[in-house]
Amino acid sequence: MTRRGKHENSLENLKMGAVSRKQGKIRVNVTLLPVTLKWLDRNKNRSEMIDEIVRLILKGDLVRVKRE
């Protein structure tokens, strides 16, 4: 049986602490349609794609936003 190696950044990330790694993001689980998931997978980072879509919506580039 082989031993698993450690990535050189692993220990550095642990030294910075959980708050540093979190970077203000919140982990959530959502249910998506298969077509949505397929579209999100075109870019290897689903979270980045969702963040970009929300940014464009809030900017008003994708849909009109009702400001409260």
PDB file of N, CA and C in Angstrom:
ATOM      1  N   MET A   1       0.841  -1.180   0.000  1.00  0.00           N
ATOM      2  CA  MET A   1       0.000   0.000   0.000  1.00  0.00           C
ATOM      3  C   MET A   1       0.893   1.252   0.000  1.00  0.00           C
ATOM      4  N   THR A   2       0.581   2.209  -0.882  1.00  0.00           N
ATOM      5  CA  THR A   2       1.405   3.416  -0.969  1.00  0.00           C
ATOM      6  C   THR A   2       0.877   4.481  -0.024  1.00  0.00           C
ATOM      7  N   ARG A   3       1.792   5.294   0.450  1.00  0.00           N
ATOM      8  CA  ARG A   3       1.393   6.399   1.315  1.00  0.00           C
ATOM      9  C   ARG A   3       1.029   7.601   0.470  1.00  0.00           C
ATOM     10  N   ARG A   4       0.043   8.299   0.892  1.00  0.00           N
ATOM     11  CA  ARG A   4      -0.395   9.499   0.195  1.00  0.00           C
ATOM     12  C   ARG A   4       0.550  10.654   0.489  1.00  0.00           C
ATOM     13  N   GLY A   5       0.900  11.395  -0.536  1.00  0.00           N
ATOM     14  CA  GLY A   5       1.781  12.535  -0.347  1.00  0.00           C
ATOM     15  C   GLY A   5       1.010  13.775   0.073  1.00  0.00           C
ATOM     16  N   LYS A   6       1.742  14.785   0.472  1.00  0.00           N
ATOM     17  CA  LYS A   6       1.130  16.060   0.873  1.00  0.00           C
ATOM     18  C   LYS A   6       1.558  17.125  -0.115  1.00  0.00           C
ATOM     19  N   HIS A   7       0.604  17.921  -0.558  1.00  0.00           N
ATOM     20  CA  HIS A   7       0.922  19.036  -1.430  1.00  0.00           C
ATOM     21  C   HIS A   7       1.651  20.098  -0.615  1.00  0.00           C
ATOM     22  N   GLU A   8       2.631  20.743  -1.226  1.00  0.00           N
ATOM     23  CA  GLU A   8       3.444  21.714  -0.490  1.00  0.00           C
ATOM     24  C   GLU A   8       2.627  22.885   0.057  1.00  0.00           C
ATOM     25  N   ASN A   9       1.491  23.209  -0.575  1.00  0.00           N
ATOM     26  CA  ASN A   9       0.679  24.327  -0.097  1.00  0.00           C
ATOM     27  C   ASN A   9      -0.259  23.930   1.043  1.00  0.00           C
ATOM     28  N   SER A  10      -0.447  22.649   1.269  1.00  0.00           N
ATOM     29  CA  SER A  10      -1.386  22.193   2.287  1.00  0.00           C
ATOM     30  C   SER A  10      -1.048  22.726   3.669  1.00  0.00           C
ATOM     31  N   LEU A  11       0.193  22.571   4.074  1.00  0.00           N
ATOM     32  CA  LEU A  11       0.579  23.030   5.402  1.00  0.00           C
ATOM     33  C   LEU A  11       0.525  24.548   5.507  1.00  0.00           C
ATOM     34  N   GLU A  12       0.892  25.256   4.441  1.00  0.00           N
ATOM     35  CA  GLU A  12       0.813  26.716   4.450  1.00  0.00           C
ATOM     36  C   GLU A  12      -0.631  27.183   4.601  1.00  0.00           C
ATOM     37  N   ASN A  13      -1.568  26.529   3.901  1.00  0.00           N
ATOM     38  CA  ASN A  13      -2.974  26.891   4.014  1.00  0.00           C
ATOM     39  C   ASN A  13      -3.495  26.656   5.425  1.00  0.00           C
ATOM     40  N   LEU A  14      -3.053  25.587   6.063  1.00  0.00           N
ATOM     41  CA  LEU A  14      -3.478  25.312   7.435  1.00  0.00           C
ATOM     42  C   LEU A  14      -2.936  26.357   8.396  1.00  0.00           C
ATOM     43  N   LYS A  15      -1.716  26.838   8.159  1.00  0.00           N
ATOM     44  CA  LYS A  15      -1.125  27.856   9.028  1.00  0.00           C
ATOM     45  C   LYS A  15      -1.908  29.167   8.967  1.00  0.00           C
ATOM     46  N   MET A  16      -2.478  29.477   7.798  1.00  0.00           N
ATOM     47  CA  MET A  16      -3.224  30.733   7.650  1.00  0.00           C
ATOM     48  C   MET A  16      -4.539  30.701   8.417  1.00  0.00           C
ATOM     49  N   GLY A  17      -5.096  29.525   8.666  1.00  0.00           N
ATOM     50  CA  GLY A  17      -6.341  29.411   9.419  1.00  0.00           C
ATOM     51  C   GLY A  17      -7.550  29.348   8.511  1.00  0.00           C
ATOM     52  N   ALA A  18      -8.651  28.875   9.076  1.00  0.00           N
ATOM     53  CA  ALA A  18      -9.882  28.657   8.318  1.00  0.00           C
ATOM     54  C   ALA A  18     -10.455  29.946   7.740  1.00  0.00           C
ATOM     55  N   VAL A  19     -10.369  31.030   8.478  1.00  0.00           N
ATOM     56  CA  VAL A  19     -10.935  32.300   8.006  1.00  0.00           C
ATOM     57  C   VAL A  19     -10.238  32.748   6.733  1.00  0.00           C
ATOM     58  N   SER A  20      -8.938  32.576   6.675  1.00  0.00           N
ATOM     59  CA  SER A  20      -8.170  32.977   5.501  1.00  0.00           C
ATOM     60  C   SER A  20      -8.564  32.157   4.271  1.00  0.00           C
ATOM     61  N   ARG A  21      -8.826  30.876   4.472  1.00  0.00           N
ATOM     62  CA  ARG A  21      -9.192  30.007   3.352  1.00  0.00           C
ATOM     63  C   ARG A  21     -10.610  30.272   2.876  1.00  0.00           C
ATOM     64  N   LYS A  22     -11.485  30.702   3.760  1.00  0.00           N
ATOM     65  CA  LYS A  22     -12.899  30.874   3.426  1.00  0.00           C
ATOM     66  C   LYS A  22     -13.126  32.048   2.477  1.00  0.00           C
ATOM     67  N   GLN A  23     -12.416  33.132   2.640  1.00  0.00           N
ATOM     68  CA  GLN A  23     -12.477  34.316   1.782  1.00  0.00           C
ATOM     69  C   GLN A  23     -13.881  34.875   1.624  1.00  0.00           C
ATOM     70  N   GLY A  24     -14.679  34.840   2.680  1.00  0.00           N
ATOM     71  CA  GLY A  24     -15.996  35.461   2.658  1.00  0.00           C
ATOM     72  C   GLY A  24     -17.054  34.689   1.909  1.00  0.00           C
ATOM     73  N   LYS A  25     -16.784  33.463   1.512  1.00  0.00           N
ATOM     74  CA  LYS A  25     -17.755  32.677   0.761  1.00  0.00           C
ATOM     75  C   LYS A  25     -18.496  31.725   1.687  1.00  0.00           C
ATOM     76  N   ILE A  26     -19.699  31.367   1.288  1.00  0.00           N
ATOM     77  CA  ILE A  26     -20.544  30.460   2.053  1.00  0.00           C
ATOM     78  C   ILE A  26     -20.839  29.238   1.204  1.00  0.00           C
ATOM     79  N   ARG A  27     -20.669  28.062   1.774  1.00  0.00           N
ATOM     80  CA  ARG A  27     -20.943  26.814   1.046  1.00  0.00           C
ATOM     81  C   ARG A  27     -22.419  26.477   1.197  1.00  0.00           C
ATOM     82  N   VAL A  28     -23.079  26.190   0.057  1.00  0.00           N
ATOM     83  CA  VAL A  28     -24.488  25.811   0.055  1.00  0.00           C
ATOM     84  C   VAL A  28     -24.698  24.654  -0.915  1.00  0.00           C
ATOM     85  N   ASN A  29     -25.778  23.924  -0.710  1.00  0.00           N
ATOM     86  CA  ASN A  29     -26.184  22.876  -1.640  1.00  0.00           C
ATOM     87  C   ASN A  29     -27.434  23.343  -2.362  1.00  0.00           C
ATOM     88  N   VAL A  30     -27.466  23.172  -3.669  1.00  0.00           N
ATOM     89  CA  VAL A  30     -28.627  23.557  -4.464  1.00  0.00           C
ATOM     90  C   VAL A  30     -28.982  22.419  -5.408  1.00  0.00           C
ATOM     91  N   THR A  31     -30.233  22.405  -5.856  1.00  0.00           N
ATOM     92  CA  THR A  31     -30.679  21.431  -6.834  1.00  0.00           C
ATOM     93  C   THR A  31     -30.819  22.142  -8.173  1.00  0.00           C
ATOM     94  N   LEU A  32     -30.167  21.608  -9.206  1.00  0.00           N
ATOM     95  CA  LEU A  32     -30.155  22.236 -10.522  1.00  0.00           C
ATOM     96  C   LEU A  32     -30.697  21.282 -11.573  1.00  0.00           C
ATOM     97  N   LEU A  33     -31.235  21.846 -12.624  1.00  0.00           N
ATOM     98  CA  LEU A  33     -31.642  21.039 -13.764  1.00  0.00           C
ATOM     99  C   LEU A  33     -30.398  20.480 -14.451  1.00  0.00           C
ATOM    100  N   PRO A  34     -30.499  19.314 -15.061  1.00  0.00           N
ATOM    101  CA  PRO A  34     -29.333  18.741 -15.749  1.00  0.00           C
ATOM    102  C   PRO A  34     -28.746  19.676 -16.812  1.00  0.00           C
ATOM    103  N   VAL A  35     -29.595  20.391 -17.530  1.00  0.00           N
ATOM    104  CA  VAL A  35     -29.098  21.300 -18.566  1.00  0.00           C
ATOM    105  C   VAL A  35     -28.298  22.451 -17.944  1.00  0.00           C
ATOM    106  N   THR A  36     -28.712  22.909 -16.763  1.00  0.00           N
ATOM    107  CA  THR A  36     -27.985  23.977 -16.069  1.00  0.00           C
ATOM    108  C   THR A  36     -26.621  23.477 -15.623  1.00  0.00           C
ATOM    109  N   LEU A  37     -26.593  22.284 -15.071  1.00  0.00           N
ATOM    110  CA  LEU A  37     -25.338  21.702 -14.625  1.00  0.00           C
ATOM    111  C   LEU A  37     -24.376  21.501 -15.799  1.00  0.00           C
ATOM    112  N   LYS A  38     -24.896  21.050 -16.919  1.00  0.00           N
ATOM    113  CA  LYS A  38     -24.071  20.850 -18.114  1.00  0.00           C
ATOM    114  C   LYS A  38     -23.483  22.189 -18.580  1.00  0.00           C
ATOM    115  N   TRP A  39     -24.294  23.247 -18.530  1.00  0.00           N
ATOM    116  CA  TRP A  39     -23.825  24.567 -18.935  1.00  0.00           C
ATOM    117  C   TRP A  39     -22.758  25.076 -17.969  1.00  0.00           C
ATOM    118  N   LEU A  40     -22.981  24.892 -16.665  1.00  0.00           N
ATOM    119  CA  LEU A  40     -21.999  25.341 -15.675  1.00  0.00           C
ATOM    120  C   LEU A  40     -20.680  24.596 -15.816  1.00  0.00           C
ATOM    121  N   ASP A  41     -20.739  23.356 -16.245  1.00  0.00           N
ATOM    122  CA  ASP A  41     -19.528  22.548 -16.378  1.00  0.00           C
ATOM    123  C   ASP A  41     -18.673  22.936 -17.583  1.00  0.00           C
ATOM    124  N   ARG A  42     -19.164  23.823 -18.442  1.00  0.00           N
ATOM    125  CA  ARG A  42     -18.332  24.289 -19.563  1.00  0.00           C
ATOM    126  C   ARG A  42     -17.100  25.017 -19.042  1.00  0.00           C
ATOM    127  N   ASN A  43     -17.255  25.693 -17.923  1.00  0.00           N
ATOM    128  CA  ASN A  43     -16.130  26.294 -17.213  1.00  0.00           C
ATOM    129  C   ASN A  43     -15.860  25.368 -16.035  1.00  0.00           C
ATOM    130  N   LYS A  44     -14.643  25.038 -15.742  1.00  0.00           N
ATOM    131  CA  LYS A  44     -14.339  24.039 -14.720  1.00  0.00           C
ATOM    132  C   LYS A  44     -14.672  24.484 -13.303  1.00  0.00           C
ATOM    133  N   ASN A  45     -15.006  25.751 -13.104  1.00  0.00           N
ATOM    134  CA  ASN A  45     -15.308  26.256 -11.768  1.00  0.00           C
ATOM    135  C   ASN A  45     -16.758  26.716 -11.718  1.00  0.00           C
ATOM    136  N   ARG A  46     -17.656  25.865 -11.220  1.00  0.00           N
ATOM    137  CA  ARG A  46     -19.093  26.182 -11.173  1.00  0.00           C
ATOM    138  C   ARG A  46     -19.371  27.418 -10.332  1.00  0.00           C
ATOM    139  N   SER A  47     -18.719  27.522  -9.183  1.00  0.00           N
ATOM    140  CA  SER A  47     -18.951  28.668  -8.295  1.00  0.00           C
ATOM    141  C   SER A  47     -18.607  29.979  -8.990  1.00  0.00           C
ATOM    142  N   GLU A  48     -17.512  29.963  -9.724  1.00  0.00           N
ATOM    143  CA  GLU A  48     -17.090  31.166 -10.445  1.00  0.00           C
ATOM    144  C   GLU A  48     -18.141  31.563 -11.491  1.00  0.00           C
ATOM    145  N   MET A  49     -18.692  30.574 -12.182  1.00  0.00           N
ATOM    146  CA  MET A  49     -19.725  30.851 -13.192  1.00  0.00           C
ATOM    147  C   MET A  49     -20.970  31.458 -12.544  1.00  0.00           C
ATOM    148  N   ILE A  50     -21.404  30.894 -11.431  1.00  0.00           N
ATOM    149  CA  ILE A  50     -22.590  31.408 -10.743  1.00  0.00           C
ATOM    150  C   ILE A  50     -22.338  32.820 -10.243  1.00  0.00           C
ATOM    151  N   ASP A  51     -21.170  33.075  -9.657  1.00  0.00           N
ATOM    152  CA  ASP A  51     -20.831  34.417  -9.186  1.00  0.00           C
ATOM    153  C   ASP A  51     -20.842  35.422 -10.337  1.00  0.00           C
ATOM    154  N   GLU A  52     -20.342  35.030 -11.499  1.00  0.00           N
ATOM    155  CA  GLU A  52     -20.317  35.921 -12.656  1.00  0.00           C
ATOM    156  C   GLU A  52     -21.731  36.218 -13.157  1.00  0.00           C
ATOM    157  N   ILE A  53     -22.590  35.213 -13.175  1.00  0.00           N
ATOM    158  CA  ILE A  53     -23.980  35.416 -13.601  1.00  0.00           C
ATOM    159  C   ILE A  53     -24.677  36.394 -12.669  1.00  0.00           C
ATOM    160  N   VAL A  54     -24.513  36.210 -11.372  1.00  0.00           N
ATOM    161  CA  VAL A  54     -25.137  37.108 -10.398  1.00  0.00           C
ATOM    162  C   VAL A  54     -24.597  38.523 -10.562  1.00  0.00           C
ATOM    163  N   ARG A  55     -23.287  38.652 -10.779  1.00  0.00           N
ATOM    164  CA  ARG A  55     -22.694  39.981 -10.984  1.00  0.00           C
ATOM    165  C   ARG A  55     -23.319  40.680 -12.180  1.00  0.00           C
ATOM    166  N   LEU A  56     -23.507  39.940 -13.278  1.00  0.00           N
ATOM    167  CA  LEU A  56     -24.108  40.525 -14.483  1.00  0.00           C
ATOM    168  C   LEU A  56     -25.571  40.887 -14.260  1.00  0.00           C
ATOM    169  N   ILE A  57     -26.293  40.066 -13.522  1.00  0.00           N
ATOM    170  CA  ILE A  57     -27.692  40.369 -13.220  1.00  0.00           C
ATOM    171  C   ILE A  57     -27.783  41.639 -12.382  1.00  0.00           C
ATOM    172  N   LEU A  58     -26.981  41.728 -11.327  1.00  0.00           N
ATOM    173  CA  LEU A  58     -27.016  42.904 -10.458  1.00  0.00           C
ATOM    174  C   LEU A  58     -26.592  44.170 -11.198  1.00  0.00           C
ATOM    175  N   LYS A  59     -25.699  44.012 -12.148  1.00  0.00           N
ATOM    176  CA  LYS A  59     -25.263  45.148 -12.962  1.00  0.00           C
ATOM    177  C   LYS A  59     -26.355  45.575 -13.944  1.00  0.00           C
ATOM    178  N   GLY A  60     -27.301  44.655 -14.226  1.00  0.00           N
ATOM    179  CA  GLY A  60     -28.383  44.960 -15.146  1.00  0.00           C
ATOM    180  C   GLY A  60     -28.108  44.534 -16.576  1.00  0.00           C
ATOM    181  N   ASP A  61     -27.048  43.771 -16.787  1.00  0.00           N
ATOM    182  CA  ASP A  61     -26.681  43.354 -18.137  1.00  0.00           C
ATOM    183  C   ASP A  61     -27.489  42.153 -18.650  1.00  0.00           C
ATOM    184  N   LEU A  62     -28.027  41.337 -17.755  1.00  0.00           N
ATOM    185  CA  LEU A  62     -28.770  40.146 -18.207  1.00  0.00           C
ATOM    186  C   LEU A  62     -30.275  40.342 -18.123  1.00  0.00           C
ATOM    187  N   VAL A  63     -30.742  40.875 -17.034  1.00  0.00           N
ATOM    188  CA  VAL A  63     -32.169  41.131 -16.835  1.00  0.00           C
ATOM    189  C   VAL A  63     -32.320  42.432 -16.077  1.00  0.00           C
ATOM    190  N   ARG A  64     -33.510  42.976 -16.129  1.00  0.00           N
ATOM    191  CA  ARG A  64     -33.755  44.187 -15.346  1.00  0.00           C
ATOM    192  C   ARG A  64     -33.889  43.790 -13.885  1.00  0.00           C
ATOM    193  N   VAL A  65     -33.242  44.574 -13.046  1.00  0.00           N
ATOM    194  CA  VAL A  65     -33.258  44.298 -11.624  1.00  0.00           C
ATOM    195  C   VAL A  65     -34.159  45.308 -10.933  1.00  0.00           C
ATOM    196  N   LYS A  66     -35.086  44.774 -10.150  1.00  0.00           N
ATOM    197  CA  LYS A  66     -35.964  45.651  -9.369  1.00  0.00           C
ATOM    198  C   LYS A  66     -35.221  46.031  -8.088  1.00  0.00           C
ATOM    199  N   ARG A  67     -34.882  47.300  -7.974  1.00  0.00           N
ATOM    200  CA  ARG A  67     -34.142  47.778  -6.805  1.00  0.00           C
ATOM    201  C   ARG A  67     -35.138  48.104  -5.696  1.00  0.00           C
ATOM    202  N   GLU A  68     -34.836  47.626  -4.497  1.00  0.00           N
ATOM    203  CA  GLU A  68     -35.740  47.880  -3.371  1.00  0.00           C
ATOM    204  C   GLU A  68     -35.220  48.989  -2.506  1.00  0.00           C
TER     205      GLU A  68
END
